[in-house]
Amino acid sequence: MNCCAQHTSTTEPTERPRKHSRTNITTVERAGRITVGILAGAFGVAGLAGAGSALVLVLYLLLIAAGIDLIVTGATGHCPLYQRLGFTPRSLRSEP
């Protein structure tokens, strides 16, 4: 028996539910995260040119990474830390 004959192949794409698709950041916070993220990233990139020591370089890189994180969470509307802590802003809670 052919080993591949045991397995059925389907051409239909399988749909998986998205684990983290729920919005848990308010609109105002999203705008704030994007704004602060852009500023932090720009400041980090500008500071890289004048980084005199390895420590300063690492700090600027961390600032850039934090800026990217803020931009991504602001753009998607989902904060994994909020989810992990079980926090949902009052305005986004669906109360019965």
PDB file of N, CA and C in Angstrom:
ATOM      1  N   MET A   1       0.842  -1.170   0.000  1.00  0.00           N
ATOM      2  CA  MET A   1       0.000   0.000   0.000  1.00  0.00           C
ATOM      3  C   MET A   1       0.891   1.238   0.000  1.00  0.00           C
ATOM      4  N   ASN A   2       0.534   2.167  -0.803  1.00  0.00           N
ATOM      5  CA  ASN A   2       1.271   3.420  -0.898  1.00  0.00           C
ATOM      6  C   ASN A   2       1.055   4.232   0.384  1.00  0.00           C
ATOM      7  N   CYS A   3       2.128   4.752   0.931  1.00  0.00           N
ATOM      8  CA  CYS A   3       2.003   5.495   2.194  1.00  0.00           C
ATOM      9  C   CYS A   3       1.159   6.750   2.027  1.00  0.00           C
ATOM     10  N   CYS A   4       1.171   7.315   0.863  1.00  0.00           N
ATOM     11  CA  CYS A   4       0.408   8.543   0.633  1.00  0.00           C
ATOM     12  C   CYS A   4      -1.073   8.269   0.437  1.00  0.00           C
ATOM     13  N   ALA A   5      -1.434   7.047   0.111  1.00  0.00           N
ATOM     14  CA  ALA A   5      -2.834   6.706  -0.100  1.00  0.00           C
ATOM     15  C   ALA A   5      -3.609   6.716   1.211  1.00  0.00           C
ATOM     16  N   GLN A   6      -2.907   6.577   2.321  1.00  0.00           N
ATOM     17  CA  GLN A   6      -3.571   6.576   3.621  1.00  0.00           C
ATOM     18  C   GLN A   6      -4.069   7.966   3.992  1.00  0.00           C
ATOM     19  N   HIS A   7      -3.411   8.960   3.508  1.00  0.00           N
ATOM     20  CA  HIS A   7      -3.740  10.327   3.876  1.00  0.00           C
ATOM     21  C   HIS A   7      -4.633  10.952   2.813  1.00  0.00           C
ATOM     22  N   THR A   8      -5.684  11.559   3.272  1.00  0.00           N
ATOM     23  CA  THR A   8      -6.546  12.254   2.324  1.00  0.00           C
ATOM     24  C   THR A   8      -6.114  13.704   2.266  1.00  0.00           C
ATOM     25  N   SER A   9      -6.094  14.217   1.084  1.00  0.00           N
ATOM     26  CA  SER A   9      -5.720  15.620   0.945  1.00  0.00           C
ATOM     27  C   SER A   9      -6.959  16.415   0.578  1.00  0.00           C
ATOM     28  N   THR A  10      -7.078  17.544   1.181  1.00  0.00           N
ATOM     29  CA  THR A  10      -8.189  18.430   0.859  1.00  0.00           C
ATOM     30  C   THR A  10      -7.623  19.709   0.284  1.00  0.00           C
ATOM     31  N   THR A  11      -8.325  20.210  -0.686  1.00  0.00           N
ATOM     32  CA  THR A  11      -7.874  21.459  -1.287  1.00  0.00           C
ATOM     33  C   THR A  11      -8.542  22.657  -0.632  1.00  0.00           C
ATOM     34  N   GLU A  12      -9.507  22.395   0.259  1.00  0.00           N
ATOM     35  CA  GLU A  12     -10.185  23.487   0.940  1.00  0.00           C
ATOM     36  C   GLU A  12      -9.292  24.013   2.056  1.00  0.00           C
ATOM     37  N   PRO A  13      -9.159  25.308   2.138  1.00  0.00           N
ATOM     38  CA  PRO A  13      -8.348  25.861   3.223  1.00  0.00           C
ATOM     39  C   PRO A  13      -9.053  25.665   4.562  1.00  0.00           C
ATOM     40  N   THR A  14      -8.284  25.346   5.559  1.00  0.00           N
ATOM     41  CA  THR A  14      -8.866  25.194   6.886  1.00  0.00           C
ATOM     42  C   THR A  14      -8.827  26.537   7.593  1.00  0.00           C
ATOM     43  N   GLU A  15      -9.923  26.864   8.207  1.00  0.00           N
ATOM     44  CA  GLU A  15     -10.002  28.137   8.911  1.00  0.00           C
ATOM     45  C   GLU A  15      -9.812  27.896  10.395  1.00  0.00           C
ATOM     46  N   ARG A  16      -8.849  28.578  10.948  1.00  0.00           N
ATOM     47  CA  ARG A  16      -8.610  28.499  12.381  1.00  0.00           C
ATOM     48  C   ARG A  16      -9.091  29.792  13.015  1.00  0.00           C
ATOM     49  N   PRO A  17      -9.730  29.668  14.158  1.00  0.00           N
ATOM     50  CA  PRO A  17     -10.128  30.913  14.821  1.00  0.00           C
ATOM     51  C   PRO A  17      -8.899  31.669  15.307  1.00  0.00           C
ATOM     52  N   ARG A  18      -8.962  32.966  15.204  1.00  0.00           N
ATOM     53  CA  ARG A  18      -7.840  33.788  15.645  1.00  0.00           C
ATOM     54  C   ARG A  18      -7.864  33.864  17.164  1.00  0.00           C
ATOM     55  N   LYS A  19      -6.737  33.588  17.771  1.00  0.00           N
ATOM     56  CA  LYS A  19      -6.671  33.576  19.225  1.00  0.00           C
ATOM     57  C   LYS A  19      -6.737  34.973  19.819  1.00  0.00           C
ATOM     58  N   HIS A  20      -6.081  35.926  19.189  1.00  0.00           N
ATOM     59  CA  HIS A  20      -5.931  37.237  19.792  1.00  0.00           C
ATOM     60  C   HIS A  20      -6.582  38.329  18.952  1.00  0.00           C
ATOM     61  N   SER A  21      -7.763  38.061  18.434  1.00  0.00           N
ATOM     62  CA  SER A  21      -8.378  39.038  17.553  1.00  0.00           C
ATOM     63  C   SER A  21      -9.239  40.047  18.307  1.00  0.00           C
ATOM     64  N   ARG A  22      -9.422  39.851  19.590  1.00  0.00           N
ATOM     65  CA  ARG A  22     -10.308  40.724  20.346  1.00  0.00           C
ATOM     66  C   ARG A  22      -9.629  42.052  20.667  1.00  0.00           C
ATOM     67  N   THR A  23     -10.317  43.128  20.386  1.00  0.00           N
ATOM     68  CA  THR A  23      -9.800  44.458  20.691  1.00  0.00           C
ATOM     69  C   THR A  23      -9.914  44.701  22.190  1.00  0.00           C
ATOM     70  N   ASN A  24      -8.795  45.067  22.814  1.00  0.00           N
ATOM     71  CA  ASN A  24      -8.829  45.348  24.245  1.00  0.00           C
ATOM     72  C   ASN A  24      -8.151  46.679  24.578  1.00  0.00           C
ATOM     73  N   ILE A  25      -8.086  47.568  23.596  1.00  0.00           N
ATOM     74  CA  ILE A  25      -7.518  48.895  23.785  1.00  0.00           C
ATOM     75  C   ILE A  25      -8.524  49.909  23.231  1.00  0.00           C
ATOM     76  N   THR A  26      -8.784  50.953  23.999  1.00  0.00           N
ATOM     77  CA  THR A  26      -9.740  51.971  23.553  1.00  0.00           C
ATOM     78  C   THR A  26      -9.164  52.778  22.386  1.00  0.00           C
ATOM     79  N   THR A  27     -10.031  53.472  21.698  1.00  0.00           N
ATOM     80  CA  THR A  27      -9.613  54.277  20.547  1.00  0.00           C
ATOM     81  C   THR A  27      -8.625  55.367  20.949  1.00  0.00           C
ATOM     82  N   VAL A  28      -8.871  56.006  22.075  1.00  0.00           N
ATOM     83  CA  VAL A  28      -7.969  57.065  22.546  1.00  0.00           C
ATOM     84  C   VAL A  28      -6.600  56.479  22.884  1.00  0.00           C
ATOM     85  N   GLU A  29      -6.594  55.332  23.566  1.00  0.00           N
ATOM     86  CA  GLU A  29      -5.321  54.699  23.911  1.00  0.00           C
ATOM     87  C   GLU A  29      -4.579  54.237  22.661  1.00  0.00           C
ATOM     88  N   ARG A  30      -5.316  53.761  21.678  1.00  0.00           N
ATOM     89  CA  ARG A  30      -4.677  53.342  20.425  1.00  0.00           C
ATOM     90  C   ARG A  30      -3.962  54.514  19.770  1.00  0.00           C
ATOM     91  N   ALA A  31      -4.641  55.652  19.701  1.00  0.00           N
ATOM     92  CA  ALA A  31      -4.024  56.846  19.099  1.00  0.00           C
ATOM     93  C   ALA A  31      -2.802  57.278  19.899  1.00  0.00           C
ATOM     94  N   GLY A  32      -2.904  57.220  21.214  1.00  0.00           N
ATOM     95  CA  GLY A  32      -1.775  57.581  22.065  1.00  0.00           C
ATOM     96  C   GLY A  32      -0.594  56.649  21.891  1.00  0.00           C
ATOM     97  N   ARG A  33      -0.870  55.360  21.803  1.00  0.00           N
ATOM     98  CA  ARG A  33       0.210  54.382  21.608  1.00  0.00           C
ATOM     99  C   ARG A  33       0.923  54.612  20.275  1.00  0.00           C
ATOM    100  N   ILE A  34       0.155  54.861  19.232  1.00  0.00           N
ATOM    101  CA  ILE A  34       0.763  55.083  17.917  1.00  0.00           C
ATOM    102  C   ILE A  34       1.607  56.352  17.934  1.00  0.00           C
ATOM    103  N   THR A  35       1.081  57.417  18.535  1.00  0.00           N
ATOM    104  CA  THR A  35       1.818  58.682  18.596  1.00  0.00           C
ATOM    105  C   THR A  35       3.114  58.536  19.389  1.00  0.00           C
ATOM    106  N   VAL A  36       3.017  57.975  20.587  1.00  0.00           N
ATOM    107  CA  VAL A  36       4.208  57.803  21.430  1.00  0.00           C
ATOM    108  C   VAL A  36       5.180  56.818  20.780  1.00  0.00           C
ATOM    109  N   GLY A  37       4.653  55.784  20.130  1.00  0.00           N
ATOM    110  CA  GLY A  37       5.515  54.813  19.453  1.00  0.00           C
ATOM    111  C   GLY A  37       6.317  55.434  18.324  1.00  0.00           C
ATOM    112  N   ILE A  38       5.671  56.284  17.543  1.00  0.00           N
ATOM    113  CA  ILE A  38       6.379  56.966  16.448  1.00  0.00           C
ATOM    114  C   ILE A  38       7.457  57.886  17.007  1.00  0.00           C
ATOM    115  N   LEU A  39       7.111  58.632  18.055  1.00  0.00           N
ATOM    116  CA  LEU A  39       8.095  59.534  18.665  1.00  0.00           C
ATOM    117  C   LEU A  39       9.270  58.763  19.264  1.00  0.00           C
ATOM    118  N   ALA A  40       8.985  57.675  19.966  1.00  0.00           N
ATOM    119  CA  ALA A  40      10.051  56.873  20.574  1.00  0.00           C
ATOM    120  C   ALA A  40      10.949  56.260  19.505  1.00  0.00           C
ATOM    121  N   GLY A  41      10.339  55.729  18.459  1.00  0.00           N
ATOM    122  CA  GLY A  41      11.128  55.146  17.374  1.00  0.00           C
ATOM    123  C   GLY A  41      11.992  56.170  16.672  1.00  0.00           C
ATOM    124  N   ALA A  42      11.424  57.335  16.410  1.00  0.00           N
ATOM    125  CA  ALA A  42      12.191  58.396  15.739  1.00  0.00           C
ATOM    126  C   ALA A  42      13.337  58.882  16.619  1.00  0.00           C
ATOM    127  N   PHE A  43      13.069  59.053  17.906  1.00  0.00           N
ATOM    128  CA  PHE A  43      14.115  59.491  18.827  1.00  0.00           C
ATOM    129  C   PHE A  43      15.217  58.431  18.925  1.00  0.00           C
ATOM    130  N   GLY A  44      14.826  57.160  18.949  1.00  0.00           N
ATOM    131  CA  GLY A  44      15.812  56.081  19.009  1.00  0.00           C
ATOM    132  C   GLY A  44      16.679  56.019  17.769  1.00  0.00           C
ATOM    133  N   VAL A  45      16.071  56.165  16.602  1.00  0.00           N
ATOM    134  CA  VAL A  45      16.831  56.141  15.347  1.00  0.00           C
ATOM    135  C   VAL A  45      17.767  57.340  15.274  1.00  0.00           C
ATOM    136  N   ALA A  46      17.277  58.513  15.675  1.00  0.00           N
ATOM    137  CA  ALA A  46      18.123  59.711  15.653  1.00  0.00           C
ATOM    138  C   ALA A  46      19.285  59.579  16.636  1.00  0.00           C
ATOM    139  N   GLY A  47      19.046  58.935  17.757  1.00  0.00           N
ATOM    140  CA  GLY A  47      20.091  58.782  18.760  1.00  0.00           C
ATOM    141  C   GLY A  47      21.155  57.773  18.401  1.00  0.00           C
ATOM    142  N   LEU A  48      20.827  56.847  17.510  1.00  0.00           N
ATOM    143  CA  LEU A  48      21.803  55.822  17.119  1.00  0.00           C
ATOM    144  C   LEU A  48      23.066  56.435  16.528  1.00  0.00           C
ATOM    145  N   ALA A  49      22.914  57.510  15.796  1.00  0.00           N
ATOM    146  CA  ALA A  49      24.071  58.136  15.142  1.00  0.00           C
ATOM    147  C   ALA A  49      25.073  58.670  16.153  1.00  0.00           C
ATOM    148  N   GLY A  50      24.584  59.146  17.288  1.00  0.00           N
ATOM    149  CA  GLY A  50      25.487  59.731  18.268  1.00  0.00           C
ATOM    150  C   GLY A  50      25.805  58.823  19.438  1.00  0.00           C
ATOM    151  N   ALA A  51      25.441  57.552  19.333  1.00  0.00           N
ATOM    152  CA  ALA A  51      25.687  56.622  20.438  1.00  0.00           C
ATOM    153  C   ALA A  51      27.183  56.418  20.613  1.00  0.00           C
ATOM    154  N   GLY A  52      27.706  56.870  21.760  1.00  0.00           N
ATOM    155  CA  GLY A  52      29.143  56.800  21.992  1.00  0.00           C
ATOM    156  C   GLY A  52      29.603  55.499  22.615  1.00  0.00           C
ATOM    157  N   SER A  53      28.731  54.841  23.347  1.00  0.00           N
ATOM    158  CA  SER A  53      29.147  53.601  24.008  1.00  0.00           C
ATOM    159  C   SER A  53      28.166  52.483  23.675  1.00  0.00           C
ATOM    160  N   ALA A  54      28.558  51.275  24.008  1.00  0.00           N
ATOM    161  CA  ALA A  54      27.713  50.114  23.737  1.00  0.00           C
ATOM    162  C   ALA A  54      26.428  50.181  24.554  1.00  0.00           C
ATOM    163  N   LEU A  55      26.517  50.668  25.784  1.00  0.00           N
ATOM    164  CA  LEU A  55      25.335  50.775  26.635  1.00  0.00           C
ATOM    165  C   LEU A  55      24.314  51.740  26.037  1.00  0.00           C
ATOM    166  N   VAL A  56      24.772  52.873  25.570  1.00  0.00           N
ATOM    167  CA  VAL A  56      23.879  53.861  24.959  1.00  0.00           C
ATOM    168  C   VAL A  56      23.258  53.287  23.689  1.00  0.00           C
ATOM    169  N   LEU A  57      24.038  52.562  22.913  1.00  0.00           N
ATOM    170  CA  LEU A  57      23.528  51.921  21.701  1.00  0.00           C
ATOM    171  C   LEU A  57      22.407  50.944  22.041  1.00  0.00           C
ATOM    172  N   VAL A  58      22.622  50.121  23.055  1.00  0.00           N
ATOM    173  CA  VAL A  58      21.606  49.148  23.471  1.00  0.00           C
ATOM    174  C   VAL A  58      20.345  49.864  23.948  1.00  0.00           C
ATOM    175  N   LEU A  59      20.507  50.937  24.691  1.00  0.00           N
ATOM    176  CA  LEU A  59      19.343  51.687  25.174  1.00  0.00           C
ATOM    177  C   LEU A  59      18.537  52.292  24.024  1.00  0.00           C
ATOM    178  N   TYR A  60      19.224  52.810  23.014  1.00  0.00           N
ATOM    179  CA  TYR A  60      18.511  53.342  21.847  1.00  0.00           C
ATOM    180  C   TYR A  60      17.798  52.224  21.083  1.00  0.00           C
ATOM    181  N   LEU A  61      18.424  51.067  20.977  1.00  0.00           N
ATOM    182  CA  LEU A  61      17.775  49.935  20.309  1.00  0.00           C
ATOM    183  C   LEU A  61      16.541  49.478  21.084  1.00  0.00           C
ATOM    184  N   LEU A  62      16.630  49.478  22.412  1.00  0.00           N
ATOM    185  CA  LEU A  62      15.463  49.134  23.225  1.00  0.00           C
ATOM    186  C   LEU A  62      14.346  50.165  23.061  1.00  0.00           C
ATOM    187  N   LEU A  63      14.715  51.423  22.929  1.00  0.00           N
ATOM    188  CA  LEU A  63      13.726  52.474  22.701  1.00  0.00           C
ATOM    189  C   LEU A  63      13.023  52.272  21.357  1.00  0.00           C
ATOM    190  N   ILE A  64      13.781  51.887  20.346  1.00  0.00           N
ATOM    191  CA  ILE A  64      13.191  51.601  19.033  1.00  0.00           C
ATOM    192  C   ILE A  64      12.243  50.408  19.131  1.00  0.00           C
ATOM    193  N   ALA A  65      12.664  49.350  19.842  1.00  0.00           N
ATOM    194  CA  ALA A  65      11.819  48.161  20.001  1.00  0.00           C
ATOM    195  C   ALA A  65      10.525  48.504  20.742  1.00  0.00           C
ATOM    196  N   ALA A  66      10.623  49.324  21.779  1.00  0.00           N
ATOM    197  CA  ALA A  66       9.426  49.743  22.513  1.00  0.00           C
ATOM    198  C   ALA A  66       8.501  50.563  21.611  1.00  0.00           C
ATOM    199  N   GLY A  67       9.087  51.412  20.776  1.00  0.00           N
ATOM    200  CA  GLY A  67       8.293  52.197  19.839  1.00  0.00           C
ATOM    201  C   GLY A  67       7.553  51.316  18.846  1.00  0.00           C
ATOM    202  N   ILE A  68       8.238  50.303  18.341  1.00  0.00           N
ATOM    203  CA  ILE A  68       7.602  49.367  17.404  1.00  0.00           C
ATOM    204  C   ILE A  68       6.458  48.634  18.093  1.00  0.00           C
ATOM    205  N   ASP A  69       6.683  48.198  19.331  1.00  0.00           N
ATOM    206  CA  ASP A  69       5.634  47.500  20.077  1.00  0.00           C
ATOM    207  C   ASP A  69       4.413  48.394  20.271  1.00  0.00           C
ATOM    208  N   LEU A  70       4.636  49.638  20.630  1.00  0.00           N
ATOM    209  CA  LEU A  70       3.516  50.563  20.814  1.00  0.00           C
ATOM    210  C   LEU A  70       2.766  50.804  19.510  1.00  0.00           C
ATOM    211  N   ILE A  71       3.491  50.928  18.418  1.00  0.00           N
ATOM    212  CA  ILE A  71       2.845  51.138  17.116  1.00  0.00           C
ATOM    213  C   ILE A  71       2.003  49.922  16.733  1.00  0.00           C
ATOM    214  N   VAL A  72       2.547  48.729  16.917  1.00  0.00           N
ATOM    215  CA  VAL A  72       1.827  47.505  16.539  1.00  0.00           C
ATOM    216  C   VAL A  72       0.587  47.309  17.407  1.00  0.00           C
ATOM    217  N   THR A  73       0.726  47.447  18.727  1.00  0.00           N
ATOM    218  CA  THR A  73      -0.444  47.264  19.588  1.00  0.00           C
ATOM    219  C   THR A  73      -1.487  48.353  19.348  1.00  0.00           C
ATOM    220  N   GLY A  74      -1.032  49.560  19.060  1.00  0.00           N
ATOM    221  CA  GLY A  74      -1.981  50.625  18.748  1.00  0.00           C
ATOM    222  C   GLY A  74      -2.704  50.383  17.437  1.00  0.00           C
ATOM    223  N   ALA A  75      -1.980  49.901  16.445  1.00  0.00           N
ATOM    224  CA  ALA A  75      -2.584  49.659  15.129  1.00  0.00           C
ATOM    225  C   ALA A  75      -3.552  48.479  15.152  1.00  0.00           C
ATOM    226  N   THR A  76      -3.219  47.430  15.902  1.00  0.00           N
ATOM    227  CA  THR A  76      -4.077  46.245  15.939  1.00  0.00           C
ATOM    228  C   THR A  76      -5.206  46.364  16.949  1.00  0.00           C
ATOM    229  N   GLY A  77      -5.012  47.216  17.960  1.00  0.00           N
ATOM    230  CA  GLY A  77      -6.035  47.355  18.989  1.00  0.00           C
ATOM    231  C   GLY A  77      -6.007  46.247  20.016  1.00  0.00           C
ATOM    232  N   HIS A  78      -4.957  45.453  20.006  1.00  0.00           N
ATOM    233  CA  HIS A  78      -4.853  44.324  20.934  1.00  0.00           C
ATOM    234  C   HIS A  78      -3.538  44.389  21.696  1.00  0.00           C
ATOM    235  N   CYS A  79      -3.625  44.302  23.015  1.00  0.00           N
ATOM    236  CA  CYS A  79      -2.435  44.286  23.859  1.00  0.00           C
ATOM    237  C   CYS A  79      -2.345  42.913  24.528  1.00  0.00           C
ATOM    238  N   PRO A  80      -1.332  42.116  24.182  1.00  0.00           N
ATOM    239  CA  PRO A  80      -1.189  40.792  24.793  1.00  0.00           C
ATOM    240  C   PRO A  80      -1.021  40.851  26.312  1.00  0.00           C
ATOM    241  N   LEU A  81      -0.364  41.891  26.823  1.00  0.00           N
ATOM    242  CA  LEU A  81      -0.196  42.017  28.274  1.00  0.00           C
ATOM    243  C   LEU A  81      -1.544  42.244  28.948  1.00  0.00           C
ATOM    244  N   TYR A  82      -2.379  43.089  28.381  1.00  0.00           N
ATOM    245  CA  TYR A  82      -3.720  43.294  28.929  1.00  0.00           C
ATOM    246  C   TYR A  82      -4.480  41.969  28.950  1.00  0.00           C
ATOM    247  N   GLN A  83      -4.363  41.201  27.880  1.00  0.00           N
ATOM    248  CA  GLN A  83      -5.059  39.923  27.814  1.00  0.00           C
ATOM    249  C   GLN A  83      -4.544  38.979  28.885  1.00  0.00           C
ATOM    250  N   ARG A  84      -3.239  38.929  29.035  1.00  0.00           N
ATOM    251  CA  ARG A  84      -2.615  38.042  30.024  1.00  0.00           C
ATOM    252  C   ARG A  84      -3.053  38.404  31.442  1.00  0.00           C
ATOM    253  N   LEU A  85      -3.185  39.702  31.706  1.00  0.00           N
ATOM    254  CA  LEU A  85      -3.601  40.170  33.025  1.00  0.00           C
ATOM    255  C   LEU A  85      -5.116  40.134  33.210  1.00  0.00           C
ATOM    256  N   GLY A  86      -5.850  39.878  32.124  1.00  0.00           N
ATOM    257  CA  GLY A  86      -7.304  39.838  32.192  1.00  0.00           C
ATOM    258  C   GLY A  86      -7.940  41.214  32.260  1.00  0.00           C
ATOM    259  N   PHE A  87      -7.222  42.230  31.803  1.00  0.00           N
ATOM    260  CA  PHE A  87      -7.719  43.600  31.868  1.00  0.00           C
ATOM    261  C   PHE A  87      -8.462  43.964  30.591  1.00  0.00           C
ATOM    262  N   THR A  88      -9.657  44.510  30.769  1.00  0.00           N
ATOM    263  CA  THR A  88     -10.423  45.072  29.656  1.00  0.00           C
ATOM    264  C   THR A  88     -10.946  46.427  30.109  1.00  0.00           C
ATOM    265  N   PRO A  89     -10.686  47.482  29.351  1.00  0.00           N
ATOM    266  CA  PRO A  89     -11.194  48.800  29.737  1.00  0.00           C
ATOM    267  C   PRO A  89     -12.715  48.777  29.896  1.00  0.00           C
ATOM    268  N   ARG A  90     -13.208  49.541  30.840  1.00  0.00           N
ATOM    269  CA  ARG A  90     -14.638  49.556  31.148  1.00  0.00           C
ATOM    270  C   ARG A  90     -15.482  49.860  29.914  1.00  0.00           C
ATOM    271  N   SER A  91     -15.016  50.763  29.065  1.00  0.00           N
ATOM    272  CA  SER A  91     -15.806  51.147  27.886  1.00  0.00           C
ATOM    273  C   SER A  91     -15.891  50.030  26.846  1.00  0.00           C
ATOM    274  N   LEU A  92     -15.029  49.023  26.941  1.00  0.00           N
ATOM    275  CA  LEU A  92     -15.066  47.921  25.981  1.00  0.00           C
ATOM    276  C   LEU A  92     -15.728  46.667  26.540  1.00  0.00           C
ATOM    277  N   ARG A  93     -16.096  46.689  27.805  1.00  0.00           N
ATOM    278  CA  ARG A  93     -16.744  45.524  28.413  1.00  0.00           C
ATOM    279  C   ARG A  93     -18.187  45.442  27.957  1.00  0.00           C
ATOM    280  N   SER A  94     -18.629  44.225  27.689  1.00  0.00           N
ATOM    281  CA  SER A  94     -20.043  44.026  27.340  1.00  0.00           C
ATOM    282  C   SER A  94     -20.746  43.530  28.597  1.00  0.00           C
ATOM    283  N   GLU A  95     -21.489  44.428  29.220  1.00  0.00           N
ATOM    284  CA  GLU A  95     -22.184  44.085  30.457  1.00  0.00           C
ATOM    285  C   GLU A  95     -23.620  43.712  30.142  1.00  0.00           C
ATOM    286  N   PRO A  96     -24.135  42.684  30.837  1.00  0.00           N
ATOM    287  CA  PRO A  96     -25.519  42.241  30.585  1.00  0.00           C
ATOM    288  C   PRO A  96     -26.559  43.211  31.062  1.00  0.00           C
TER     289      PRO A  96
END
